[in-house]
Structure formats: structure tokens, C-alpha cells
Amino acid sequence: MARYNYHSMNLFTLPPQKVAMVLLVLLLAAAVFDVLYRRIPNWLTVSGVVLGIAMNTLIGSPEGGLVFSLVGLAVAFGIYAAFFALRAMGAGDVKLMAAVGALVGWERWFGIFFVTALIGGVMALILVVARGRFKKTFFNVSFILSEMTRGRPAYLANEELDVKNKKALGLPHGAVIAVSTVFYLALSARLVK
């Protein structure tokens, strides 16, 4: 029986060492800002995008390149912009993930996105249980799914589902992305062996 090759796509491979170092510094700074101020500054995310494009252009193919970086930026921005449109993410989260995409490319970005979804889900579940909101959250998830089948954004009928609302129960997503990226890099390093 053939074993799945994780390297057929670059979903779980390590980025070049210098890119990984810039990625970690960017995400650490973003996590600190997001935890302390619930904002991720534009100067930080724009710096990440510029560094991602510049570094990958210098690295060149096959590990990088200008197109590699721009496609990573576009895919990450597009997917997170959809979450922003549904009011499930803040603008800083969109720009941060766009910077991550510019640094690591679209394939690795999908790996980070997958790990972020898993870890974010676990962290959210812990928060929900700790705050005693399991029943309310179950209702909210059911409501979101119901509204999606009707083609309506759920936040229009329930202000608690708008990430911008103070009543919303949320995690600092920049910190979740940072923690998840560390897990992603550790998993990728393990799979390289």
C-alpha cells in the first residue's frame, strides 16, 4: 500500500531558515499586540508583506520567487477577506495572514491555515467551557449554519456573532496564528526526517 507523500505539495515542508525566522518574529510581535491591544498594527503586517515579497524574490525558484510570494499573498488575503466579510475576522487578522502567505507561499500557507483552524477550534472550545457558554455557543453555531443555508450573514440577526461587537466571545486570532505556526513548523520538521 502506497504511503501518502506529504511533499507532493509543499503543505507540510519547512520554509527556508531565514524566512522561518522572519515569520516567527512577525507572528510573535503580532501576538503580543493582539493580546495586549486586540489590534495588529498596519506597519507590522505591511512589513511582513514587503519582507515576504523581497525575500522570496531574492531566494528565487524553486523555494521562492516573486510569483510564489504574490500567489501566497493573494490566496491568504482572498480566503481571510471572505471571513472578514462575514465579520468572523478582524482586518488585522486578514492582513497578518496575507503577510504569512507572502512569506511562505500558498501551499505552506494552507498547511498553516489547517493547523490554525484545528488549534483555534480547540482553544475556542476551552474558552467556551471555561466561560460556561457551551449551550449558547452550540445555539450560535446552529444559527450560523441555518443562516448560511439561506445565504444570509448570521451577524445581521445576532450581534453577538459580529467579531467587532463587544458582546462577541473571541480569541486574539493573531496569537492563535502564532501558536499554530509554531506547531506547523514543528510538524513540518518532524515530517522532513
N, C-alpha and C. Protein backbone atom coordinates (compact mmCIF):
# COMPACT_ATOMS: atom_id res chain seq x y z
N MET A 1 0.84 -1.17 0.00
CA MET A 1 0.00 0.00 0.00
C MET A 1 0.89 1.24 0.00
N ALA A 2 0.62 2.14 -0.90
CA ALA A 2 1.45 3.34 -1.02
C ALA A 2 1.17 4.30 0.13
N ARG A 3 2.24 4.87 0.63
CA ARG A 3 2.11 5.84 1.71
C ARG A 3 1.95 7.23 1.12
N TYR A 4 1.08 8.04 1.73
CA TYR A 4 0.87 9.40 1.22
C TYR A 4 2.14 10.21 1.37
N ASN A 5 2.51 10.90 0.33
CA ASN A 5 3.70 11.73 0.35
C ASN A 5 3.29 13.17 0.65
N TYR A 6 3.61 13.63 1.84
CA TYR A 6 3.26 15.00 2.23
C TYR A 6 4.01 16.02 1.39
N HIS A 7 5.07 15.58 0.73
CA HIS A 7 5.89 16.51 -0.03
C HIS A 7 5.45 16.63 -1.48
N SER A 8 4.39 15.91 -1.88
CA SER A 8 3.91 16.07 -3.24
C SER A 8 3.41 17.49 -3.44
N MET A 9 2.92 18.07 -2.38
CA MET A 9 2.67 19.51 -2.32
C MET A 9 3.55 20.00 -1.17
N ASN A 10 3.79 21.26 -1.11
CA ASN A 10 4.61 21.79 -0.02
C ASN A 10 3.77 22.17 1.19
N LEU A 11 2.72 21.39 1.44
CA LEU A 11 1.80 21.67 2.52
C LEU A 11 2.48 21.61 3.90
N PHE A 12 3.31 20.61 4.10
CA PHE A 12 3.99 20.45 5.38
C PHE A 12 5.49 20.32 5.18
N THR A 13 6.08 21.36 4.64
CA THR A 13 7.53 21.43 4.49
C THR A 13 8.00 22.71 5.15
N LEU A 14 9.24 22.70 5.55
CA LEU A 14 9.80 23.88 6.20
C LEU A 14 10.15 24.94 5.17
N PRO A 15 9.84 26.19 5.46
CA PRO A 15 10.32 27.26 4.59
C PRO A 15 11.82 27.44 4.81
N PRO A 16 12.51 28.16 3.93
CA PRO A 16 13.93 28.44 4.17
C PRO A 16 14.12 29.06 5.56
N GLN A 17 15.27 28.79 6.16
CA GLN A 17 15.52 29.17 7.55
C GLN A 17 15.32 30.68 7.79
N LYS A 18 15.81 31.52 6.89
CA LYS A 18 15.67 32.97 7.09
C LYS A 18 14.20 33.40 7.01
N VAL A 19 13.45 32.77 6.14
CA VAL A 19 12.02 33.07 6.04
C VAL A 19 11.32 32.65 7.33
N ALA A 20 11.67 31.47 7.85
CA ALA A 20 11.06 30.98 9.09
C ALA A 20 11.37 31.93 10.25
N MET A 21 12.59 32.46 10.29
CA MET A 21 12.95 33.38 11.38
C MET A 21 12.13 34.67 11.29
N VAL A 22 12.01 35.23 10.08
CA VAL A 22 11.20 36.44 9.90
C VAL A 22 9.74 36.16 10.25
N LEU A 23 9.25 35.01 9.82
CA LEU A 23 7.87 34.60 10.10
C LEU A 23 7.62 34.56 11.61
N LEU A 24 8.52 33.94 12.35
CA LEU A 24 8.34 33.82 13.80
C LEU A 24 8.40 35.17 14.50
N VAL A 25 9.32 36.05 14.08
CA VAL A 25 9.41 37.38 14.69
C VAL A 25 8.13 38.17 14.39
N LEU A 26 7.67 38.12 13.15
CA LEU A 26 6.43 38.80 12.76
C LEU A 26 5.26 38.32 13.61
N LEU A 27 5.12 37.01 13.74
CA LEU A 27 3.98 36.45 14.47
C LEU A 27 4.08 36.68 15.97
N LEU A 28 5.27 36.66 16.51
CA LEU A 28 5.43 36.96 17.93
C LEU A 28 4.99 38.40 18.22
N ALA A 29 5.44 39.33 17.39
CA ALA A 29 5.06 40.73 17.57
C ALA A 29 3.54 40.90 17.40
N ALA A 30 2.97 40.25 16.39
CA ALA A 30 1.53 40.34 16.16
C ALA A 30 0.75 39.77 17.34
N ALA A 31 1.22 38.65 17.89
CA ALA A 31 0.55 38.02 19.03
C ALA A 31 0.57 38.95 20.24
N VAL A 32 1.70 39.58 20.49
CA VAL A 32 1.81 40.49 21.64
C VAL A 32 0.84 41.66 21.47
N PHE A 33 0.85 42.29 20.29
CA PHE A 33 -0.06 43.41 20.04
C PHE A 33 -1.52 42.96 20.16
N ASP A 34 -1.85 41.79 19.61
CA ASP A 34 -3.23 41.33 19.60
C ASP A 34 -3.72 41.00 21.01
N VAL A 35 -2.86 40.40 21.82
CA VAL A 35 -3.24 40.06 23.19
C VAL A 35 -3.39 41.33 24.03
N LEU A 36 -2.43 42.25 23.90
CA LEU A 36 -2.45 43.46 24.73
C LEU A 36 -3.49 44.49 24.29
N TYR A 37 -3.60 44.68 22.97
CA TYR A 37 -4.43 45.78 22.46
C TYR A 37 -5.60 45.35 21.58
N ARG A 38 -5.68 44.05 21.31
CA ARG A 38 -6.70 43.50 20.40
C ARG A 38 -6.65 44.17 19.03
N ARG A 39 -5.45 44.50 18.61
CA ARG A 39 -5.19 45.10 17.29
C ARG A 39 -3.84 44.58 16.80
N ILE A 40 -3.72 44.49 15.50
CA ILE A 40 -2.44 44.17 14.87
C ILE A 40 -2.11 45.36 13.98
N PRO A 41 -1.02 46.08 14.28
CA PRO A 41 -0.75 47.32 13.55
C PRO A 41 -0.42 47.10 12.06
N ASN A 42 -0.85 48.07 11.26
CA ASN A 42 -0.59 48.01 9.81
C ASN A 42 0.90 48.00 9.49
N TRP A 43 1.70 48.76 10.23
CA TRP A 43 3.13 48.81 9.93
C TRP A 43 3.74 47.41 10.06
N LEU A 44 3.23 46.61 10.96
CA LEU A 44 3.75 45.26 11.16
C LEU A 44 3.35 44.34 10.01
N THR A 45 2.08 44.37 9.64
CA THR A 45 1.62 43.47 8.57
C THR A 45 2.18 43.89 7.21
N VAL A 46 2.25 45.20 6.96
CA VAL A 46 2.82 45.67 5.69
C VAL A 46 4.30 45.29 5.62
N SER A 47 5.01 45.41 6.74
CA SER A 47 6.43 45.00 6.77
C SER A 47 6.56 43.52 6.44
N GLY A 48 5.64 42.70 6.97
CA GLY A 48 5.67 41.27 6.68
C GLY A 48 5.45 40.98 5.20
N VAL A 49 4.51 41.70 4.58
CA VAL A 49 4.25 41.51 3.15
C VAL A 49 5.47 41.92 2.34
N VAL A 50 6.03 43.10 2.64
CA VAL A 50 7.19 43.61 1.88
C VAL A 50 8.38 42.66 2.05
N LEU A 51 8.64 42.24 3.27
CA LEU A 51 9.76 41.30 3.52
C LEU A 51 9.52 39.96 2.81
N GLY A 52 8.28 39.49 2.84
CA GLY A 52 7.96 38.23 2.17
C GLY A 52 8.23 38.30 0.67
N ILE A 53 7.76 39.37 0.05
CA ILE A 53 7.97 39.53 -1.39
C ILE A 53 9.45 39.69 -1.70
N ALA A 54 10.14 40.54 -0.94
CA ALA A 54 11.57 40.79 -1.18
C ALA A 54 12.40 39.53 -0.97
N MET A 55 12.19 38.84 0.15
CA MET A 55 12.98 37.64 0.45
C MET A 55 12.75 36.56 -0.59
N ASN A 56 11.49 36.33 -0.94
CA ASN A 56 11.20 35.27 -1.90
C ASN A 56 11.69 35.62 -3.30
N THR A 57 11.68 36.89 -3.65
CA THR A 57 12.23 37.30 -4.94
C THR A 57 13.73 37.02 -4.98
N LEU A 58 14.42 37.30 -3.88
CA LEU A 58 15.86 37.03 -3.80
C LEU A 58 16.16 35.53 -3.77
N ILE A 59 15.34 34.77 -3.07
CA ILE A 59 15.54 33.32 -2.99
C ILE A 59 15.37 32.68 -4.36
N GLY A 60 14.36 33.11 -5.08
CA GLY A 60 14.12 32.56 -6.42
C GLY A 60 13.57 31.16 -6.39
N SER A 61 13.35 30.63 -7.56
CA SER A 61 12.75 29.31 -7.74
C SER A 61 13.77 28.23 -7.42
N PRO A 62 13.42 27.07 -6.93
CA PRO A 62 12.09 26.54 -6.70
C PRO A 62 11.55 26.83 -5.30
N GLU A 63 12.39 27.34 -4.38
CA GLU A 63 11.96 27.58 -3.00
C GLU A 63 11.17 28.86 -2.82
N GLY A 64 11.21 29.75 -3.80
CA GLY A 64 10.55 31.03 -3.65
C GLY A 64 10.32 31.66 -5.01
N GLY A 65 10.48 32.96 -5.05
CA GLY A 65 10.28 33.72 -6.27
C GLY A 65 9.16 34.73 -6.10
N LEU A 66 9.12 35.70 -7.00
CA LEU A 66 8.12 36.76 -6.93
C LEU A 66 6.71 36.19 -7.08
N VAL A 67 6.49 35.35 -8.07
CA VAL A 67 5.15 34.78 -8.30
C VAL A 67 4.74 33.91 -7.11
N PHE A 68 5.66 33.11 -6.60
CA PHE A 68 5.44 32.28 -5.41
C PHE A 68 4.88 33.13 -4.27
N SER A 69 5.52 34.26 -4.01
CA SER A 69 5.12 35.14 -2.92
C SER A 69 3.79 35.83 -3.20
N LEU A 70 3.61 36.31 -4.42
CA LEU A 70 2.36 37.02 -4.75
C LEU A 70 1.15 36.09 -4.73
N VAL A 71 1.34 34.85 -5.17
CA VAL A 71 0.23 33.89 -5.13
C VAL A 71 -0.11 33.56 -3.67
N GLY A 72 0.90 33.37 -2.84
CA GLY A 72 0.66 33.14 -1.40
C GLY A 72 -0.09 34.29 -0.77
N LEU A 73 0.32 35.49 -1.09
CA LEU A 73 -0.35 36.70 -0.60
C LEU A 73 -1.80 36.74 -1.05
N ALA A 74 -2.04 36.50 -2.33
CA ALA A 74 -3.40 36.58 -2.89
C ALA A 74 -4.33 35.51 -2.32
N VAL A 75 -3.85 34.28 -2.21
CA VAL A 75 -4.68 33.19 -1.68
C VAL A 75 -5.04 33.47 -0.22
N ALA A 76 -4.04 33.82 0.58
CA ALA A 76 -4.28 34.10 2.00
C ALA A 76 -5.22 35.28 2.18
N PHE A 77 -4.96 36.35 1.43
CA PHE A 77 -5.81 37.53 1.54
C PHE A 77 -7.24 37.23 1.10
N GLY A 78 -7.39 36.51 0.01
CA GLY A 78 -8.72 36.19 -0.51
C GLY A 78 -9.56 35.38 0.46
N ILE A 79 -8.96 34.35 1.03
CA ILE A 79 -9.70 33.48 1.96
C ILE A 79 -10.05 34.24 3.24
N TYR A 80 -9.09 34.96 3.79
CA TYR A 80 -9.38 35.69 5.01
C TYR A 80 -10.26 36.91 4.78
N ALA A 81 -10.24 37.49 3.58
CA ALA A 81 -11.15 38.59 3.26
C ALA A 81 -12.60 38.09 3.28
N ALA A 82 -12.81 36.84 2.87
CA ALA A 82 -14.16 36.26 2.93
C ALA A 82 -14.61 36.14 4.39
N PHE A 83 -13.71 35.71 5.27
CA PHE A 83 -14.04 35.66 6.71
C PHE A 83 -14.34 37.05 7.25
N PHE A 84 -13.57 38.03 6.80
CA PHE A 84 -13.79 39.42 7.22
C PHE A 84 -15.16 39.91 6.76
N ALA A 85 -15.53 39.57 5.54
CA ALA A 85 -16.83 39.99 5.00
C ALA A 85 -17.98 39.41 5.82
N LEU A 86 -17.75 38.22 6.38
CA LEU A 86 -18.77 37.59 7.24
C LEU A 86 -18.67 38.05 8.69
N ARG A 87 -17.75 38.96 8.93
CA ARG A 87 -17.48 39.51 10.26
C ARG A 87 -17.01 38.44 11.24
N ALA A 88 -16.28 37.46 10.71
CA ALA A 88 -15.73 36.40 11.55
C ALA A 88 -14.27 36.68 11.91
N MET A 89 -13.65 37.64 11.24
CA MET A 89 -12.25 38.01 11.47
C MET A 89 -12.14 39.52 11.43
N GLY A 90 -11.12 40.03 12.11
CA GLY A 90 -10.83 41.45 12.02
C GLY A 90 -9.90 41.73 10.84
N ALA A 91 -9.79 42.99 10.48
CA ALA A 91 -8.95 43.38 9.34
C ALA A 91 -7.48 43.08 9.61
N GLY A 92 -7.04 43.23 10.85
CA GLY A 92 -5.65 42.91 11.18
C GLY A 92 -5.32 41.45 10.96
N ASP A 93 -6.27 40.58 11.25
CA ASP A 93 -6.07 39.14 11.02
C ASP A 93 -5.93 38.84 9.53
N VAL A 94 -6.72 39.53 8.72
CA VAL A 94 -6.64 39.35 7.26
C VAL A 94 -5.26 39.75 6.78
N LYS A 95 -4.80 40.92 7.20
CA LYS A 95 -3.50 41.43 6.74
C LYS A 95 -2.35 40.57 7.28
N LEU A 96 -2.50 40.07 8.50
CA LEU A 96 -1.46 39.21 9.06
C LEU A 96 -1.34 37.92 8.25
N MET A 97 -2.47 37.29 7.95
CA MET A 97 -2.41 36.05 7.17
C MET A 97 -1.92 36.32 5.74
N ALA A 98 -2.21 37.49 5.19
CA ALA A 98 -1.68 37.86 3.88
C ALA A 98 -0.15 37.94 3.94
N ALA A 99 0.38 38.51 5.02
CA ALA A 99 1.83 38.58 5.19
C ALA A 99 2.43 37.17 5.32
N VAL A 100 1.74 36.30 6.06
CA VAL A 100 2.20 34.91 6.18
C VAL A 100 2.23 34.25 4.81
N GLY A 101 1.18 34.46 4.02
CA GLY A 101 1.14 33.91 2.66
C GLY A 101 2.27 34.42 1.79
N ALA A 102 2.58 35.72 1.90
CA ALA A 102 3.68 36.31 1.12
C ALA A 102 5.02 35.70 1.53
N LEU A 103 5.15 35.34 2.79
CA LEU A 103 6.40 34.75 3.28
C LEU A 103 6.54 33.28 2.89
N VAL A 104 5.50 32.48 3.07
CA VAL A 104 5.65 31.03 2.93
C VAL A 104 5.05 30.45 1.65
N GLY A 105 4.32 31.24 0.87
CA GLY A 105 3.69 30.72 -0.35
C GLY A 105 2.36 30.08 -0.04
N TRP A 106 1.60 29.82 -1.10
CA TRP A 106 0.22 29.34 -0.89
C TRP A 106 0.14 27.93 -0.35
N GLU A 107 1.04 27.05 -0.74
CA GLU A 107 0.94 25.66 -0.27
C GLU A 107 1.22 25.55 1.22
N ARG A 108 2.33 26.16 1.67
CA ARG A 108 2.62 26.13 3.10
C ARG A 108 1.56 26.91 3.88
N TRP A 109 1.05 27.99 3.25
CA TRP A 109 0.02 28.76 3.92
C TRP A 109 -1.21 27.89 4.21
N PHE A 110 -1.57 27.03 3.27
CA PHE A 110 -2.71 26.14 3.52
C PHE A 110 -2.42 25.21 4.69
N GLY A 111 -1.20 24.74 4.82
CA GLY A 111 -0.82 23.93 5.98
C GLY A 111 -0.99 24.71 7.27
N ILE A 112 -0.51 25.96 7.29
CA ILE A 112 -0.65 26.82 8.47
C ILE A 112 -2.13 27.10 8.74
N PHE A 113 -2.89 27.35 7.70
CA PHE A 113 -4.33 27.60 7.82
C PHE A 113 -5.04 26.39 8.45
N PHE A 114 -4.70 25.19 8.00
CA PHE A 114 -5.29 23.97 8.52
C PHE A 114 -4.97 23.80 10.01
N VAL A 115 -3.70 23.98 10.36
CA VAL A 115 -3.30 23.84 11.77
C VAL A 115 -3.95 24.95 12.61
N THR A 116 -4.05 26.15 12.07
CA THR A 116 -4.69 27.26 12.78
C THR A 116 -6.16 26.95 13.05
N ALA A 117 -6.84 26.37 12.07
CA ALA A 117 -8.25 26.01 12.26
C ALA A 117 -8.40 24.99 13.37
N LEU A 118 -7.53 23.98 13.39
CA LEU A 118 -7.60 22.95 14.43
C LEU A 118 -7.29 23.51 15.82
N ILE A 119 -6.18 24.21 15.93
CA ILE A 119 -5.78 24.74 17.23
C ILE A 119 -6.74 25.83 17.68
N GLY A 120 -7.17 26.67 16.76
CA GLY A 120 -8.15 27.70 17.10
C GLY A 120 -9.44 27.09 17.60
N GLY A 121 -9.87 26.01 16.98
CA GLY A 121 -11.08 25.31 17.42
C GLY A 121 -10.94 24.77 18.83
N VAL A 122 -9.79 24.16 19.12
CA VAL A 122 -9.55 23.62 20.46
C VAL A 122 -9.50 24.75 21.49
N MET A 123 -8.79 25.83 21.15
CA MET A 123 -8.69 26.97 22.07
C MET A 123 -10.07 27.60 22.30
N ALA A 124 -10.87 27.70 21.25
CA ALA A 124 -12.22 28.26 21.37
C ALA A 124 -13.09 27.38 22.26
N LEU A 125 -12.98 26.07 22.10
CA LEU A 125 -13.76 25.14 22.92
C LEU A 125 -13.38 25.28 24.39
N ILE A 126 -12.10 25.42 24.67
CA ILE A 126 -11.64 25.62 26.05
C ILE A 126 -12.21 26.92 26.61
N LEU A 127 -12.19 27.98 25.80
CA LEU A 127 -12.74 29.27 26.24
C LEU A 127 -14.24 29.16 26.51
N VAL A 128 -14.96 28.49 25.63
CA VAL A 128 -16.41 28.33 25.78
C VAL A 128 -16.73 27.57 27.06
N VAL A 129 -16.03 26.48 27.32
CA VAL A 129 -16.27 25.69 28.52
C VAL A 129 -15.88 26.49 29.76
N ALA A 130 -14.75 27.19 29.72
CA ALA A 130 -14.29 27.97 30.86
C ALA A 130 -15.26 29.09 31.22
N ARG A 131 -15.92 29.65 30.22
CA ARG A 131 -16.88 30.74 30.46
C ARG A 131 -18.30 30.23 30.66
N GLY A 132 -18.48 28.92 30.63
CA GLY A 132 -19.81 28.35 30.84
C GLY A 132 -20.80 28.70 29.74
N ARG A 133 -20.34 28.76 28.51
CA ARG A 133 -21.19 29.17 27.40
C ARG A 133 -21.38 28.07 26.37
N PHE A 134 -21.29 26.83 26.78
CA PHE A 134 -21.38 25.74 25.82
C PHE A 134 -22.74 25.71 25.11
N LYS A 135 -23.83 25.83 25.90
CA LYS A 135 -25.17 25.78 25.30
C LYS A 135 -25.40 26.96 24.35
N LYS A 136 -24.99 28.14 24.77
CA LYS A 136 -25.16 29.35 23.95
C LYS A 136 -24.33 29.23 22.66
N THR A 137 -23.14 28.72 22.77
CA THR A 137 -22.28 28.56 21.59
C THR A 137 -22.84 27.52 20.65
N PHE A 138 -23.37 26.44 21.19
CA PHE A 138 -24.00 25.41 20.34
C PHE A 138 -25.16 26.02 19.57
N PHE A 139 -25.97 26.84 20.25
CA PHE A 139 -27.08 27.53 19.58
C PHE A 139 -26.54 28.46 18.48
N ASN A 140 -25.48 29.22 18.80
CA ASN A 140 -24.91 30.16 17.82
C ASN A 140 -24.39 29.44 16.58
N VAL A 141 -23.72 28.32 16.77
CA VAL A 141 -23.21 27.55 15.62
C VAL A 141 -24.38 27.04 14.78
N SER A 142 -25.42 26.53 15.43
CA SER A 142 -26.61 26.08 14.69
C SER A 142 -27.24 27.24 13.93
N PHE A 143 -27.30 28.40 14.56
CA PHE A 143 -27.88 29.58 13.92
C PHE A 143 -27.05 30.01 12.71
N ILE A 144 -25.73 30.01 12.85
CA ILE A 144 -24.84 30.37 11.74
C ILE A 144 -25.08 29.44 10.55
N LEU A 145 -25.12 28.13 10.81
CA LEU A 145 -25.35 27.16 9.74
C LEU A 145 -26.71 27.36 9.08
N SER A 146 -27.71 27.64 9.89
CA SER A 146 -29.06 27.88 9.37
C SER A 146 -29.07 29.11 8.46
N GLU A 147 -28.43 30.18 8.91
CA GLU A 147 -28.39 31.41 8.11
C GLU A 147 -27.57 31.21 6.83
N MET A 148 -26.52 30.40 6.91
CA MET A 148 -25.71 30.13 5.71
C MET A 148 -26.53 29.42 4.64
N THR A 149 -27.38 28.50 5.05
CA THR A 149 -28.21 27.79 4.07
C THR A 149 -29.19 28.72 3.39
N ARG A 150 -29.49 29.84 4.03
CA ARG A 150 -30.40 30.83 3.45
C ARG A 150 -29.64 31.95 2.73
N GLY A 151 -28.31 31.85 2.75
CA GLY A 151 -27.49 32.85 2.07
C GLY A 151 -27.42 34.19 2.78
N ARG A 152 -27.63 34.18 4.10
CA ARG A 152 -27.61 35.42 4.88
C ARG A 152 -26.46 35.38 5.89
N PRO A 153 -25.79 36.52 6.09
CA PRO A 153 -24.76 36.57 7.14
C PRO A 153 -25.42 36.54 8.52
N ALA A 154 -24.97 35.68 9.38
CA ALA A 154 -25.58 35.49 10.69
C ALA A 154 -25.46 36.71 11.59
N TYR A 155 -24.41 37.50 11.40
CA TYR A 155 -24.21 38.65 12.28
C TYR A 155 -25.31 39.71 12.13
N LEU A 156 -26.04 39.70 11.01
CA LEU A 156 -27.11 40.68 10.83
C LEU A 156 -28.27 40.46 11.82
N ALA A 157 -28.52 39.21 12.16
CA ALA A 157 -29.63 38.89 13.06
C ALA A 157 -29.19 38.66 14.51
N ASN A 158 -27.88 38.52 14.74
CA ASN A 158 -27.38 38.25 16.08
C ASN A 158 -26.07 39.01 16.27
N GLU A 159 -26.13 40.13 16.97
CA GLU A 159 -24.95 40.99 17.13
C GLU A 159 -23.79 40.29 17.81
N GLU A 160 -24.07 39.26 18.57
CA GLU A 160 -23.03 38.51 19.26
C GLU A 160 -22.11 37.76 18.27
N LEU A 161 -22.58 37.59 17.06
CA LEU A 161 -21.81 36.87 16.04
C LEU A 161 -20.97 37.79 15.17
N ASP A 162 -20.93 39.07 15.51
CA ASP A 162 -20.11 40.06 14.81
C ASP A 162 -18.82 40.24 15.61
N VAL A 163 -17.69 39.90 15.01
CA VAL A 163 -16.42 39.96 15.71
C VAL A 163 -16.12 41.37 16.23
N LYS A 164 -16.72 42.38 15.63
CA LYS A 164 -16.48 43.77 16.05
C LYS A 164 -17.31 44.16 17.27
N ASN A 165 -18.27 43.34 17.65
CA ASN A 165 -19.16 43.66 18.77
C ASN A 165 -18.51 43.25 20.09
N LYS A 166 -18.67 44.09 21.09
CA LYS A 166 -18.10 43.82 22.42
C LYS A 166 -18.71 42.58 23.08
N LYS A 167 -19.92 42.21 22.69
CA LYS A 167 -20.58 41.03 23.26
C LYS A 167 -20.03 39.72 22.69
N ALA A 168 -19.30 39.82 21.59
CA ALA A 168 -18.77 38.61 20.94
C ALA A 168 -17.72 37.96 21.82
N LEU A 169 -17.78 36.65 21.88
CA LEU A 169 -16.78 35.88 22.61
C LEU A 169 -15.69 35.53 21.62
N GLY A 170 -14.50 36.04 21.83
CA GLY A 170 -13.45 35.81 20.84
C GLY A 170 -12.08 35.65 21.45
N LEU A 171 -11.21 35.08 20.64
CA LEU A 171 -9.81 34.91 20.98
C LEU A 171 -9.00 35.91 20.16
N PRO A 172 -7.85 36.35 20.67
CA PRO A 172 -6.97 37.16 19.84
C PRO A 172 -6.38 36.26 18.73
N HIS A 173 -6.93 36.39 17.53
CA HIS A 173 -6.58 35.45 16.45
C HIS A 173 -5.11 35.54 16.04
N GLY A 174 -4.50 36.72 16.22
CA GLY A 174 -3.06 36.84 15.93
C GLY A 174 -2.25 35.89 16.80
N ALA A 175 -2.65 35.75 18.06
CA ALA A 175 -1.96 34.83 18.97
C ALA A 175 -2.22 33.38 18.56
N VAL A 176 -3.44 33.10 18.12
CA VAL A 176 -3.77 31.74 17.65
C VAL A 176 -2.93 31.39 16.43
N ILE A 177 -2.80 32.33 15.50
CA ILE A 177 -1.98 32.10 14.30
C ILE A 177 -0.53 31.85 14.70
N ALA A 178 -0.02 32.62 15.66
CA ALA A 178 1.37 32.46 16.10
C ALA A 178 1.61 31.07 16.70
N VAL A 179 0.74 30.67 17.63
CA VAL A 179 0.88 29.35 18.27
C VAL A 179 0.76 28.25 17.22
N SER A 180 -0.19 28.39 16.33
CA SER A 180 -0.42 27.38 15.30
C SER A 180 0.76 27.26 14.35
N THR A 181 1.38 28.39 14.03
CA THR A 181 2.53 28.36 13.12
C THR A 181 3.71 27.64 13.76
N VAL A 182 3.89 27.83 15.06
CA VAL A 182 4.95 27.09 15.77
C VAL A 182 4.68 25.59 15.68
N PHE A 183 3.42 25.19 15.90
CA PHE A 183 3.05 23.78 15.75
C PHE A 183 3.28 23.30 14.31
N TYR A 184 2.89 24.12 13.35
CA TYR A 184 3.09 23.78 11.93
C TYR A 184 4.58 23.54 11.64
N LEU A 185 5.44 24.45 12.10
CA LEU A 185 6.88 24.30 11.85
C LEU A 185 7.43 23.05 12.52
N ALA A 186 6.97 22.77 13.74
CA ALA A 186 7.43 21.56 14.45
C ALA A 186 6.95 20.31 13.71
N LEU A 187 5.71 20.29 13.25
CA LEU A 187 5.19 19.16 12.50
C LEU A 187 5.94 18.99 11.19
N SER A 188 6.20 20.08 10.50
CA SER A 188 6.93 20.01 9.23
C SER A 188 8.35 19.49 9.44
N ALA A 189 9.01 19.95 10.51
CA ALA A 189 10.36 19.47 10.82
C ALA A 189 10.36 17.98 11.09
N ARG A 190 9.33 17.51 11.75
CA ARG A 190 9.20 16.07 12.06
C ARG A 190 8.98 15.25 10.79
N LEU A 191 8.18 15.79 9.86
CA LEU A 191 7.89 15.07 8.62
C LEU A 191 9.07 15.05 7.66
N VAL A 192 9.99 16.01 7.81
CA VAL A 192 11.17 16.09 6.94
C VAL A 192 12.12 14.93 7.21
N LYS A 193 12.14 14.45 8.46
CA LYS A 193 13.08 13.37 8.84
C LYS A 193 12.81 12.10 8.08
